[in-house]
Amino acid sequence: MEIRLARPDEIPFLVEMCRWFTTSPFQFDDRLEGIAGGFEPAFGREMLRSPSTVTYVARDGEIVGFIAFHPLSPISEYAGKRIGNILLLVVKPEHQGKGIGKTLVKKALHHLRNLQIELVTVGTDLYNIPALQVYTSQGFFPRLVWHIFRFYYDREFSLSPLVRPLSLQEISPFVPYFSRPLSLLKDKILNREALRTYLVDKWKNQIAQGKIFCLGYCPNDTPVALLTVQQDSLAEKTLQTPKPVYKILDLLLLPQAERETLITLLRDVSARFPASLMEIWIDAEQNDTIQVVEEAGFRLAYSGITLHALLEK
């Protein structure tokens, strides 16, 4: 078995290998059959063609697997540790169970260790037992379980007179409640406060630039709940949908507000943004939020897990 860096001319073939991610959020959900126009591994193309991605292939006469990773995440500067991310791990179905995936992970970790990376993250399907066994055998441990809930536009809701777009100034009361299903925010070895400050600043900038659309539930014209949504062009390309795909990024509630205000926001945004699909990612520990999105008509579509590994210097 030969393990070596991928050549540029091999990238198109590796992109096609991404079609074997049968347990990915883009393929696992059978309700996508009536929504998606097909499946194009646009996510793999974007990752593999990124200048910052390092890719190793495993060859046994032909390419039988590969691993792609970012050797240094831009977020490292704020987290206080040098962080690497495993992006893709693929082994041909007929070659699985032969230790190829484990060998590729070992090669990636060796590469990252030589770059003095201190923490490595990877995400996978919560029920992908073979992948979990590979990662845990190499020192990875679970850090965050998360769910994807989707609204399939199989029902209609109306706009609420109490929901309106918010200005950048109006989101300030919500900053203390800002949270995302990001595993790094749960790791105590990181500078989580600095990381959170970076994420909040980025969040504000994206709203100011119009990259994220922000809605508020505003009784007496004062916002007490907030929702942000963004068009997901990568999902559109992957699923080849006839209409846009939207992703809800934030669902925040001030202490004085009732949970029903979030339901109103979720129903309003589905009416305000007609689409092929709308989804929201939620930390599995956020039981109240899960109940809210289910009451608003969203359905569980996928469960994932993010694992971390600490690399010795």
C-alpha atoms as a PDB file:
ATOM      1  CA  MET A   1       0.000   0.000   0.000  1.00  0.00           C
ATOM      2  CA  GLU A   2       1.403   3.388  -1.041  1.00  0.00           C
ATOM      3  CA  ILE A   3       0.424   6.533   0.863  1.00  0.00           C
ATOM      4  CA  ARG A   4       1.469   9.789  -0.801  1.00  0.00           C
ATOM      5  CA  LEU A   5       0.345  13.344  -1.450  1.00  0.00           C
ATOM      6  CA  ALA A   6      -2.325  13.677  -4.114  1.00  0.00           C
ATOM      7  CA  ARG A   7      -1.352  15.119  -7.476  1.00  0.00           C
ATOM      8  CA  PRO A   8      -3.407  18.024  -8.937  1.00  0.00           C
ATOM      9  CA  ASP A   9      -4.557  15.841 -11.849  1.00  0.00           C
ATOM     10  CA  GLU A  10      -6.057  13.345  -9.364  1.00  0.00           C
ATOM     11  CA  ILE A  11      -8.386  15.862  -7.721  1.00  0.00           C
ATOM     12  CA  PRO A  12     -11.318  15.357 -10.165  1.00  0.00           C
ATOM     13  CA  PHE A  13     -11.275  11.618  -9.422  1.00  0.00           C
ATOM     14  CA  LEU A  14     -11.185  12.285  -5.670  1.00  0.00           C
ATOM     15  CA  VAL A  15     -14.181  14.606  -6.022  1.00  0.00           C
ATOM     16  CA  GLU A  16     -16.098  11.778  -7.677  1.00  0.00           C
ATOM     17  CA  MET A  17     -15.135   9.485  -4.792  1.00  0.00           C
ATOM     18  CA  CYS A  18     -17.116  11.806  -2.509  1.00  0.00           C
ATOM     19  CA  ARG A  19     -20.272  10.279  -3.978  1.00  0.00           C
ATOM     20  CA  TRP A  20     -19.653   7.383  -1.583  1.00  0.00           C
ATOM     21  CA  PHE A  21     -20.583   9.536   1.415  1.00  0.00           C
ATOM     22  CA  THR A  22     -23.903   7.722   1.652  1.00  0.00           C
ATOM     23  CA  THR A  23     -24.351   8.749   5.294  1.00  0.00           C
ATOM     24  CA  SER A  24     -23.713  12.468   4.707  1.00  0.00           C
ATOM     25  CA  PRO A  25     -26.373  15.124   5.445  1.00  0.00           C
ATOM     26  CA  PHE A  26     -26.813  15.466   1.670  1.00  0.00           C
ATOM     27  CA  GLN A  27     -27.687  11.806   1.043  1.00  0.00           C
ATOM     28  CA  PHE A  28     -28.865  10.229   4.290  1.00  0.00           C
ATOM     29  CA  ASP A  29     -32.284  11.938   4.306  1.00  0.00           C
ATOM     30  CA  ASP A  30     -34.779  10.072   2.091  1.00  0.00           C
ATOM     31  CA  ARG A  31     -37.131  13.072   2.163  1.00  0.00           C
ATOM     32  CA  LEU A  32     -34.722  14.864  -0.171  1.00  0.00           C
ATOM     33  CA  GLU A  33     -35.859  12.675  -3.052  1.00  0.00           C
ATOM     34  CA  GLY A  34     -38.769  14.957  -3.835  1.00  0.00           C
ATOM     35  CA  ILE A  35     -36.677  18.108  -3.401  1.00  0.00           C
ATOM     36  CA  ALA A  36     -33.234  17.468  -4.857  1.00  0.00           C
ATOM     37  CA  GLY A  37     -32.634  17.379  -8.587  1.00  0.00           C
ATOM     38  CA  GLY A  38     -29.687  15.036  -8.124  1.00  0.00           C
ATOM     39  CA  PHE A  39     -26.446  14.844  -6.195  1.00  0.00           C
ATOM     40  CA  GLU A  40     -23.241  16.636  -7.154  1.00  0.00           C
ATOM     41  CA  PRO A  41     -20.343  16.499  -4.630  1.00  0.00           C
ATOM     42  CA  ALA A  42     -19.814  20.266  -4.724  1.00  0.00           C
ATOM     43  CA  PHE A  43     -18.729  20.215  -1.070  1.00  0.00           C
ATOM     44  CA  GLY A  44     -15.879  17.823  -1.948  1.00  0.00           C
ATOM     45  CA  ARG A  45     -14.827  19.939  -4.907  1.00  0.00           C
ATOM     46  CA  GLU A  46     -14.701  23.074  -2.756  1.00  0.00           C
ATOM     47  CA  MET A  47     -12.668  21.393  -0.012  1.00  0.00           C
ATOM     48  CA  LEU A  48     -10.237  19.531  -2.267  1.00  0.00           C
ATOM     49  CA  ARG A  49      -9.509  22.529  -4.479  1.00  0.00           C
ATOM     50  CA  SER A  50      -8.870  24.890  -1.585  1.00  0.00           C
ATOM     51  CA  PRO A  51      -5.206  26.015  -1.548  1.00  0.00           C
ATOM     52  CA  SER A  52      -5.062  25.389   2.203  1.00  0.00           C
ATOM     53  CA  THR A  53      -6.152  21.733   1.956  1.00  0.00           C
ATOM     54  CA  VAL A  54      -3.594  18.909   2.191  1.00  0.00           C
ATOM     55  CA  THR A  55      -4.642  15.586   0.633  1.00  0.00           C
ATOM     56  CA  TYR A  56      -3.043  12.134   0.863  1.00  0.00           C
ATOM     57  CA  VAL A  57      -4.127   9.205  -1.293  1.00  0.00           C
ATOM     58  CA  ALA A  58      -3.836   5.484  -0.635  1.00  0.00           C
ATOM     59  CA  ARG A  59      -2.920   3.439  -3.690  1.00  0.00           C
ATOM     60  CA  ASP A  60      -3.008  -0.289  -4.230  1.00  0.00           C
ATOM     61  CA  GLY A  61      -2.492  -0.346  -7.980  1.00  0.00           C
ATOM     62  CA  GLU A  62      -5.215   2.325  -8.102  1.00  0.00           C
ATOM     63  CA  ILE A  63      -6.473   4.990  -5.699  1.00  0.00           C
ATOM     64  CA  VAL A  64      -8.525   3.195  -3.055  1.00  0.00           C
ATOM     65  CA  GLY A  65      -8.925   6.012  -0.537  1.00  0.00           C
ATOM     66  CA  PHE A  66      -7.895   9.499   0.496  1.00  0.00           C
ATOM     67  CA  ILE A  67      -7.858  11.912   3.412  1.00  0.00           C
ATOM     68  CA  ALA A  68      -8.052  15.705   3.161  1.00  0.00           C
ATOM     69  CA  PHE A  69      -7.394  18.158   5.968  1.00  0.00           C
ATOM     70  CA  HIS A  70      -6.685  21.781   6.804  1.00  0.00           C
ATOM     71  CA  PRO A  71      -3.305  21.905   8.548  1.00  0.00           C
ATOM     72  CA  LEU A  72      -4.042  25.164  10.372  1.00  0.00           C
ATOM     73  CA  SER A  73      -7.450  26.655  10.971  1.00  0.00           C
ATOM     74  CA  PRO A  74      -7.711  30.484  10.789  1.00  0.00           C
ATOM     75  CA  ILE A  75      -9.576  30.303  14.086  1.00  0.00           C
ATOM     76  CA  SER A  76      -6.391  29.115  15.850  1.00  0.00           C
ATOM     77  CA  GLU A  77      -5.290  32.705  16.464  1.00  0.00           C
ATOM     78  CA  TYR A  78      -8.325  33.292  18.666  1.00  0.00           C
ATOM     79  CA  ALA A  79      -8.562  29.860  20.275  1.00  0.00           C
ATOM     80  CA  GLY A  80      -5.027  30.044  21.678  1.00  0.00           C
ATOM     81  CA  LYS A  81      -4.035  26.666  20.194  1.00  0.00           C
ATOM     82  CA  ARG A  82      -2.887  25.525  16.778  1.00  0.00           C
ATOM     83  CA  ILE A  83      -5.908  23.698  15.347  1.00  0.00           C
ATOM     84  CA  GLY A  84      -6.148  21.338  12.386  1.00  0.00           C
ATOM     85  CA  ASN A  85      -9.310  19.937  10.818  1.00  0.00           C
ATOM     86  CA  ILE A  86      -9.881  16.642   9.037  1.00  0.00           C
ATOM     87  CA  LEU A  87     -12.309  17.438   6.231  1.00  0.00           C
ATOM     88  CA  LEU A  88     -12.803  14.247   4.229  1.00  0.00           C
ATOM     89  CA  LEU A  89     -11.949  10.575   4.666  1.00  0.00           C
ATOM     90  CA  VAL A  90     -13.032   8.213   1.901  1.00  0.00           C
ATOM     91  CA  VAL A  91     -12.238   4.557   1.232  1.00  0.00           C
ATOM     92  CA  LYS A  92     -13.715   2.629  -1.676  1.00  0.00           C
ATOM     93  CA  PRO A  93     -16.504   0.349  -0.402  1.00  0.00           C
ATOM     94  CA  GLU A  94     -14.820  -2.837  -1.612  1.00  0.00           C
ATOM     95  CA  HIS A  95     -11.616  -1.881   0.225  1.00  0.00           C
ATOM     96  CA  GLN A  96     -13.184  -0.957   3.561  1.00  0.00           C
ATOM     97  CA  GLY A  97     -12.375  -3.017   6.635  1.00  0.00           C
ATOM     98  CA  LYS A  98      -8.734  -3.443   5.618  1.00  0.00           C
ATOM     99  CA  GLY A  99      -7.242  -0.721   7.836  1.00  0.00           C
ATOM    100  CA  ILE A 100      -6.837   1.810   5.017  1.00  0.00           C
ATOM    101  CA  GLY A 101      -8.851   4.501   6.775  1.00  0.00           C
ATOM    102  CA  LYS A 102      -6.803   4.076   9.948  1.00  0.00           C
ATOM    103  CA  THR A 103      -3.550   4.293   7.958  1.00  0.00           C
ATOM    104  CA  LEU A 104      -4.695   7.507   6.286  1.00  0.00           C
ATOM    105  CA  VAL A 105      -5.682   9.061   9.629  1.00  0.00           C
ATOM    106  CA  LYS A 106      -2.283   8.136  11.078  1.00  0.00           C
ATOM    107  CA  LYS A 107      -0.581   9.795   8.099  1.00  0.00           C
ATOM    108  CA  ALA A 108      -2.617  12.970   8.527  1.00  0.00           C
ATOM    109  CA  LEU A 109      -1.904  13.150  12.261  1.00  0.00           C
ATOM    110  CA  HIS A 110       1.811  12.607  11.629  1.00  0.00           C
ATOM    111  CA  HIS A 111       1.761  15.485   9.125  1.00  0.00           C
ATOM    112  CA  LEU A 112      -0.105  17.734  11.562  1.00  0.00           C
ATOM    113  CA  ARG A 113       2.159  16.828  14.468  1.00  0.00           C
ATOM    114  CA  ASN A 114       5.187  17.884  12.418  1.00  0.00           C
ATOM    115  CA  LEU A 115       3.509  21.270  11.954  1.00  0.00           C
ATOM    116  CA  GLN A 116       3.113  21.545  15.740  1.00  0.00           C
ATOM    117  CA  ILE A 117      -0.672  21.339  15.565  1.00  0.00           C
ATOM    118  CA  GLU A 118      -2.042  20.888  19.082  1.00  0.00           C
ATOM    119  CA  LEU A 119      -5.694  20.018  18.499  1.00  0.00           C
ATOM    120  CA  VAL A 120      -7.393  18.208  15.602  1.00  0.00           C
ATOM    121  CA  THR A 121     -11.141  18.144  14.962  1.00  0.00           C
ATOM    122  CA  VAL A 122     -13.259  15.895  12.766  1.00  0.00           C
ATOM    123  CA  GLY A 123     -16.991  15.457  12.219  1.00  0.00           C
ATOM    124  CA  THR A 124     -18.909  12.399  11.105  1.00  0.00           C
ATOM    125  CA  ASP A 125     -22.309  10.723  11.200  1.00  0.00           C
ATOM    126  CA  LEU A 126     -23.255   9.841  14.775  1.00  0.00           C
ATOM    127  CA  TYR A 127     -24.063   6.273  13.688  1.00  0.00           C
ATOM    128  CA  ASN A 128     -21.094   5.720  11.375  1.00  0.00           C
ATOM    129  CA  ILE A 129     -19.582   3.081  13.642  1.00  0.00           C
ATOM    130  CA  PRO A 130     -16.628   2.141  11.371  1.00  0.00           C
ATOM    131  CA  ALA A 131     -15.528   5.791  11.132  1.00  0.00           C
ATOM    132  CA  LEU A 132     -15.937   6.304  14.882  1.00  0.00           C
ATOM    133  CA  GLN A 133     -13.826   3.215  15.555  1.00  0.00           C
ATOM    134  CA  VAL A 134     -11.072   4.526  13.285  1.00  0.00           C
ATOM    135  CA  TYR A 135     -10.999   7.934  14.944  1.00  0.00           C
ATOM    136  CA  THR A 136     -11.242   6.748  18.547  1.00  0.00           C
ATOM    137  CA  SER A 137      -8.434   4.220  17.899  1.00  0.00           C
ATOM    138  CA  GLN A 138      -6.216   7.197  17.071  1.00  0.00           C
ATOM    139  CA  GLY A 139      -6.977   9.153  20.218  1.00  0.00           C
ATOM    140  CA  PHE A 140     -10.055  11.120  19.186  1.00  0.00           C
ATOM    141  CA  PHE A 141     -12.782  11.622  21.765  1.00  0.00           C
ATOM    142  CA  PRO A 142     -16.362  12.963  21.419  1.00  0.00           C
ATOM    143  CA  ARG A 143     -16.771  16.672  22.046  1.00  0.00           C
ATOM    144  CA  LEU A 144     -20.151  17.616  20.561  1.00  0.00           C
ATOM    145  CA  VAL A 145     -23.241  15.816  19.269  1.00  0.00           C
ATOM    146  CA  TRP A 146     -25.425  17.892  16.973  1.00  0.00           C
ATOM    147  CA  HIS A 147     -28.604  17.506  14.956  1.00  0.00           C
ATOM    148  CA  ILE A 148     -29.805  18.927  11.656  1.00  0.00           C
ATOM    149  CA  PHE A 149     -33.516  19.757  11.543  1.00  0.00           C
ATOM    150  CA  ARG A 150     -35.129  20.586   8.215  1.00  0.00           C
ATOM    151  CA  PHE A 151     -38.286  22.297   7.063  1.00  0.00           C
ATOM    152  CA  TYR A 152     -39.505  20.656   3.840  1.00  0.00           C
ATOM    153  CA  TYR A 153     -42.160  23.220   2.865  1.00  0.00           C
ATOM    154  CA  ASP A 154     -44.862  20.587   3.155  1.00  0.00           C
ATOM    155  CA  ARG A 155     -47.096  23.084   4.960  1.00  0.00           C
ATOM    156  CA  GLU A 156     -47.759  26.796   4.711  1.00  0.00           C
ATOM    157  CA  PHE A 157     -47.432  29.517   7.327  1.00  0.00           C
ATOM    158  CA  SER A 158     -48.210  33.236   7.268  1.00  0.00           C
ATOM    159  CA  LEU A 159     -46.090  36.270   7.989  1.00  0.00           C
ATOM    160  CA  SER A 160     -46.448  37.644  11.516  1.00  0.00           C
ATOM    161  CA  PRO A 161     -47.116  41.370  12.036  1.00  0.00           C
ATOM    162  CA  LEU A 162     -44.794  41.206  15.055  1.00  0.00           C
ATOM    163  CA  VAL A 163     -41.766  40.027  13.040  1.00  0.00           C
ATOM    164  CA  ARG A 164     -39.539  42.468  11.161  1.00  0.00           C
ATOM    165  CA  PRO A 165     -35.913  42.880  10.058  1.00  0.00           C
ATOM    166  CA  LEU A 166     -33.545  44.137  12.754  1.00  0.00           C
ATOM    167  CA  SER A 167     -30.818  46.732  12.481  1.00  0.00           C
ATOM    168  CA  LEU A 168     -27.286  46.034  13.690  1.00  0.00           C
ATOM    169  CA  GLN A 169     -27.863  48.239  16.740  1.00  0.00           C
ATOM    170  CA  GLU A 170     -30.933  46.250  17.774  1.00  0.00           C
ATOM    171  CA  ILE A 171     -29.032  42.961  18.132  1.00  0.00           C
ATOM    172  CA  SER A 172     -26.838  44.215  21.015  1.00  0.00           C
ATOM    173  CA  PRO A 173     -29.099  42.820  23.810  1.00  0.00           C
ATOM    174  CA  PHE A 174     -28.742  39.364  22.251  1.00  0.00           C
ATOM    175  CA  VAL A 175     -24.936  39.244  22.266  1.00  0.00           C
ATOM    176  CA  PRO A 176     -24.683  37.678  25.782  1.00  0.00           C
ATOM    177  CA  TYR A 177     -26.884  34.801  24.552  1.00  0.00           C
ATOM    178  CA  PHE A 178     -24.975  34.177  21.320  1.00  0.00           C
ATOM    179  CA  SER A 179     -24.179  30.499  20.858  1.00  0.00           C
ATOM    180  CA  ARG A 180     -23.430  28.111  18.019  1.00  0.00           C
ATOM    181  CA  PRO A 181     -23.166  24.273  17.828  1.00  0.00           C
ATOM    182  CA  LEU A 182     -19.381  24.548  17.573  1.00  0.00           C
ATOM    183  CA  SER A 183     -17.275  21.940  19.356  1.00  0.00           C
ATOM    184  CA  LEU A 184     -14.403  24.365  19.987  1.00  0.00           C
ATOM    185  CA  LEU A 185     -16.650  26.396  22.290  1.00  0.00           C
ATOM    186  CA  LYS A 186     -16.878  23.324  24.539  1.00  0.00           C
ATOM    187  CA  ASP A 187     -13.167  22.560  24.819  1.00  0.00           C
ATOM    188  CA  LYS A 188     -11.685  23.852  28.074  1.00  0.00           C
ATOM    189  CA  ILE A 189      -8.093  23.853  26.806  1.00  0.00           C
ATOM    190  CA  LEU A 190      -8.993  26.664  24.410  1.00  0.00           C
ATOM    191  CA  ASN A 191      -9.478  30.371  25.055  1.00  0.00           C
ATOM    192  CA  ARG A 192     -13.228  30.100  24.695  1.00  0.00           C
ATOM    193  CA  GLU A 193     -13.934  33.727  25.632  1.00  0.00           C
ATOM    194  CA  ALA A 194     -11.605  35.080  22.938  1.00  0.00           C
ATOM    195  CA  LEU A 195     -13.038  32.594  20.472  1.00  0.00           C
ATOM    196  CA  ARG A 196     -16.566  33.646  21.299  1.00  0.00           C
ATOM    197  CA  THR A 197     -15.638  37.334  20.919  1.00  0.00           C
ATOM    198  CA  TYR A 198     -14.205  36.591  17.476  1.00  0.00           C
ATOM    199  CA  LEU A 199     -17.374  34.751  16.448  1.00  0.00           C
ATOM    200  CA  VAL A 200     -19.620  37.569  17.687  1.00  0.00           C
ATOM    201  CA  ASP A 201     -17.571  40.199  15.823  1.00  0.00           C
ATOM    202  CA  LYS A 202     -17.728  38.105  12.651  1.00  0.00           C
ATOM    203  CA  TRP A 203     -21.472  37.652  13.159  1.00  0.00           C
ATOM    204  CA  LYS A 204     -22.008  41.422  13.432  1.00  0.00           C
ATOM    205  CA  ASN A 205     -19.892  42.098  10.347  1.00  0.00           C
ATOM    206  CA  GLN A 206     -21.832  39.571   8.281  1.00  0.00           C
ATOM    207  CA  ILE A 207     -25.123  41.160   9.320  1.00  0.00           C
ATOM    208  CA  ALA A 208     -23.780  44.649   8.524  1.00  0.00           C
ATOM    209  CA  GLN A 209     -22.615  43.459   5.089  1.00  0.00           C
ATOM    210  CA  GLY A 210     -25.956  41.845   4.305  1.00  0.00           C
ATOM    211  CA  LYS A 211     -24.491  38.331   4.193  1.00  0.00           C
ATOM    212  CA  ILE A 212     -26.819  37.251   6.994  1.00  0.00           C
ATOM    213  CA  PHE A 213     -30.461  38.349   7.201  1.00  0.00           C
ATOM    214  CA  CYS A 214     -31.715  39.107  10.713  1.00  0.00           C
ATOM    215  CA  LEU A 215     -35.338  38.955  11.882  1.00  0.00           C
ATOM    216  CA  GLY A 216     -36.737  39.892  15.254  1.00  0.00           C
ATOM    217  CA  TYR A 217     -39.962  39.224  17.140  1.00  0.00           C
ATOM    218  CA  CYS A 218     -40.921  42.737  18.256  1.00  0.00           C
ATOM    219  CA  PRO A 219     -43.941  43.285  20.511  1.00  0.00           C
ATOM    220  CA  ASN A 220     -44.291  47.035  21.113  1.00  0.00           C
ATOM    221  CA  ASP A 221     -41.656  47.341  18.358  1.00  0.00           C
ATOM    222  CA  THR A 222     -38.942  46.079  20.732  1.00  0.00           C
ATOM    223  CA  PRO A 223     -37.137  42.837  19.770  1.00  0.00           C
ATOM    224  CA  VAL A 224     -37.274  40.045  22.345  1.00  0.00           C
ATOM    225  CA  ALA A 225     -36.288  37.159  20.060  1.00  0.00           C
ATOM    226  CA  LEU A 226     -33.931  36.949  17.116  1.00  0.00           C
ATOM    227  CA  LEU A 227     -33.392  34.687  14.120  1.00  0.00           C
ATOM    228  CA  THR A 228     -30.691  34.884  11.467  1.00  0.00           C
ATOM    229  CA  VAL A 229     -30.787  33.097   8.132  1.00  0.00           C
ATOM    230  CA  GLN A 230     -28.368  32.719   5.226  1.00  0.00           C
ATOM    231  CA  GLN A 231     -28.676  31.281   1.746  1.00  0.00           C
ATOM    232  CA  ASP A 232     -26.680  28.046   1.390  1.00  0.00           C
ATOM    233  CA  SER A 233     -25.302  28.061  -2.154  1.00  0.00           C
ATOM    234  CA  LEU A 234     -23.113  25.000  -1.491  1.00  0.00           C
ATOM    235  CA  ALA A 235     -26.152  22.901  -0.539  1.00  0.00           C
ATOM    236  CA  GLU A 236     -27.976  24.184  -3.627  1.00  0.00           C
ATOM    237  CA  LYS A 237     -25.118  23.060  -5.886  1.00  0.00           C
ATOM    238  CA  THR A 238     -24.817  19.709  -4.121  1.00  0.00           C
ATOM    239  CA  LEU A 239     -28.528  18.896  -4.153  1.00  0.00           C
ATOM    240  CA  GLN A 240     -29.229  20.692  -7.459  1.00  0.00           C
ATOM    241  CA  THR A 241     -32.414  22.177  -6.059  1.00  0.00           C
ATOM    242  CA  PRO A 242     -34.829  24.210  -8.222  1.00  0.00           C
ATOM    243  CA  LYS A 243     -35.274  26.805  -5.471  1.00  0.00           C
ATOM    244  CA  PRO A 244     -32.859  28.249  -2.875  1.00  0.00           C
ATOM    245  CA  VAL A 245     -31.725  26.432   0.252  1.00  0.00           C
ATOM    246  CA  TYR A 246     -31.550  28.445   3.470  1.00  0.00           C
ATOM    247  CA  LYS A 247     -29.790  27.776   6.739  1.00  0.00           C
ATOM    248  CA  ILE A 248     -30.911  29.266  10.050  1.00  0.00           C
ATOM    249  CA  LEU A 249     -27.772  30.209  11.951  1.00  0.00           C
ATOM    250  CA  ASP A 250     -29.098  31.683  15.192  1.00  0.00           C
ATOM    251  CA  LEU A 251     -32.259  31.409  17.251  1.00  0.00           C
ATOM    252  CA  LEU A 252     -31.912  33.610  20.340  1.00  0.00           C
ATOM    253  CA  LEU A 253     -34.376  34.522  23.070  1.00  0.00           C
ATOM    254  CA  LEU A 254     -34.177  37.201  25.759  1.00  0.00           C
ATOM    255  CA  PRO A 255     -35.099  36.051  29.306  1.00  0.00           C
ATOM    256  CA  GLN A 256     -38.382  37.963  29.376  1.00  0.00           C
ATOM    257  CA  ALA A 257     -39.673  36.372  26.170  1.00  0.00           C
ATOM    258  CA  GLU A 258     -41.893  33.312  25.838  1.00  0.00           C
ATOM    259  CA  ARG A 259     -40.685  30.298  23.842  1.00  0.00           C
ATOM    260  CA  GLU A 260     -43.714  30.649  21.541  1.00  0.00           C
ATOM    261  CA  THR A 261     -42.046  33.738  20.072  1.00  0.00           C
ATOM    262  CA  LEU A 262     -39.369  31.480  18.588  1.00  0.00           C
ATOM    263  CA  ILE A 263     -42.049  29.291  17.009  1.00  0.00           C
ATOM    264  CA  THR A 264     -43.571  32.421  15.465  1.00  0.00           C
ATOM    265  CA  LEU A 265     -40.156  33.446  14.116  1.00  0.00           C
ATOM    266  CA  LEU A 266     -39.526  30.032  12.589  1.00  0.00           C
ATOM    267  CA  ARG A 267     -42.910  29.942  10.919  1.00  0.00           C
ATOM    268  CA  ASP A 268     -42.517  33.501   9.681  1.00  0.00           C
ATOM    269  CA  VAL A 269     -39.108  32.846   8.115  1.00  0.00           C
ATOM    270  CA  SER A 270     -40.442  29.814   6.258  1.00  0.00           C
ATOM    271  CA  ALA A 271     -43.179  32.039   4.796  1.00  0.00           C
ATOM    272  CA  ARG A 272     -40.805  34.937   4.151  1.00  0.00           C
ATOM    273  CA  PHE A 273     -38.192  32.806   2.359  1.00  0.00           C
ATOM    274  CA  PRO A 274     -39.877  30.354  -0.040  1.00  0.00           C
ATOM    275  CA  ALA A 275     -37.306  27.676  -0.802  1.00  0.00           C
ATOM    276  CA  SER A 276     -36.648  24.040  -1.593  1.00  0.00           C
ATOM    277  CA  LEU A 277     -35.379  23.470   1.915  1.00  0.00           C
ATOM    278  CA  MET A 278     -34.551  25.257   5.158  1.00  0.00           C
ATOM    279  CA  GLU A 279     -32.436  23.772   7.922  1.00  0.00           C
ATOM    280  CA  ILE A 280     -31.039  24.539  11.356  1.00  0.00           C
ATOM    281  CA  TRP A 281     -28.140  22.852  13.233  1.00  0.00           C
ATOM    282  CA  ILE A 282     -28.686  22.384  16.965  1.00  0.00           C
ATOM    283  CA  ASP A 283     -26.512  21.181  19.846  1.00  0.00           C
ATOM    284  CA  ALA A 284     -28.031  17.887  21.009  1.00  0.00           C
ATOM    285  CA  GLU A 285     -28.051  19.196  24.592  1.00  0.00           C
ATOM    286  CA  GLN A 286     -30.414  22.059  23.682  1.00  0.00           C
ATOM    287  CA  ASN A 287     -33.622  20.155  24.393  1.00  0.00           C
ATOM    288  CA  ASP A 288     -35.805  23.268  24.635  1.00  0.00           C
ATOM    289  CA  THR A 289     -34.658  24.503  21.224  1.00  0.00           C
ATOM    290  CA  ILE A 290     -35.248  21.064  19.716  1.00  0.00           C
ATOM    291  CA  GLN A 291     -38.829  21.071  21.017  1.00  0.00           C
ATOM    292  CA  VAL A 292     -39.372  24.557  19.598  1.00  0.00           C
ATOM    293  CA  VAL A 293     -38.177  23.738  16.082  1.00  0.00           C
ATOM    294  CA  GLU A 294     -40.239  20.546  16.030  1.00  0.00           C
ATOM    295  CA  GLU A 295     -43.365  22.471  17.031  1.00  0.00           C
ATOM    296  CA  ALA A 296     -42.585  24.924  14.220  1.00  0.00           C
ATOM    297  CA  GLY A 297     -42.699  22.141  11.634  1.00  0.00           C
ATOM    298  CA  PHE A 298     -39.024  21.185  11.334  1.00  0.00           C
ATOM    299  CA  ARG A 299     -38.084  17.504  11.314  1.00  0.00           C
ATOM    300  CA  LEU A 300     -34.931  15.700  12.382  1.00  0.00           C
ATOM    301  CA  ALA A 301     -32.884  14.916   9.265  1.00  0.00           C
ATOM    302  CA  TYR A 302     -29.393  14.001  10.472  1.00  0.00           C
ATOM    303  CA  SER A 303     -27.337  13.485  13.622  1.00  0.00           C
ATOM    304  CA  GLY A 304     -23.624  14.138  13.677  1.00  0.00           C
ATOM    305  CA  ILE A 305     -20.734  14.125  16.104  1.00  0.00           C
ATOM    306  CA  THR A 306     -17.555  16.177  16.310  1.00  0.00           C
ATOM    307  CA  LEU A 307     -14.479  14.594  17.859  1.00  0.00           C
ATOM    308  CA  HIS A 308     -11.227  16.150  19.073  1.00  0.00           C
ATOM    309  CA  ALA A 309      -7.717  14.752  19.399  1.00  0.00           C
ATOM    310  CA  LEU A 310      -4.864  16.318  21.351  1.00  0.00           C
ATOM    311  CA  LEU A 311      -1.458  15.936  19.721  1.00  0.00           C
ATOM    312  CA  GLU A 312       1.630  15.620  21.861  1.00  0.00           C
ATOM    313  CA  LYS A 313       4.472  17.975  21.050  1.00  0.00           C
END
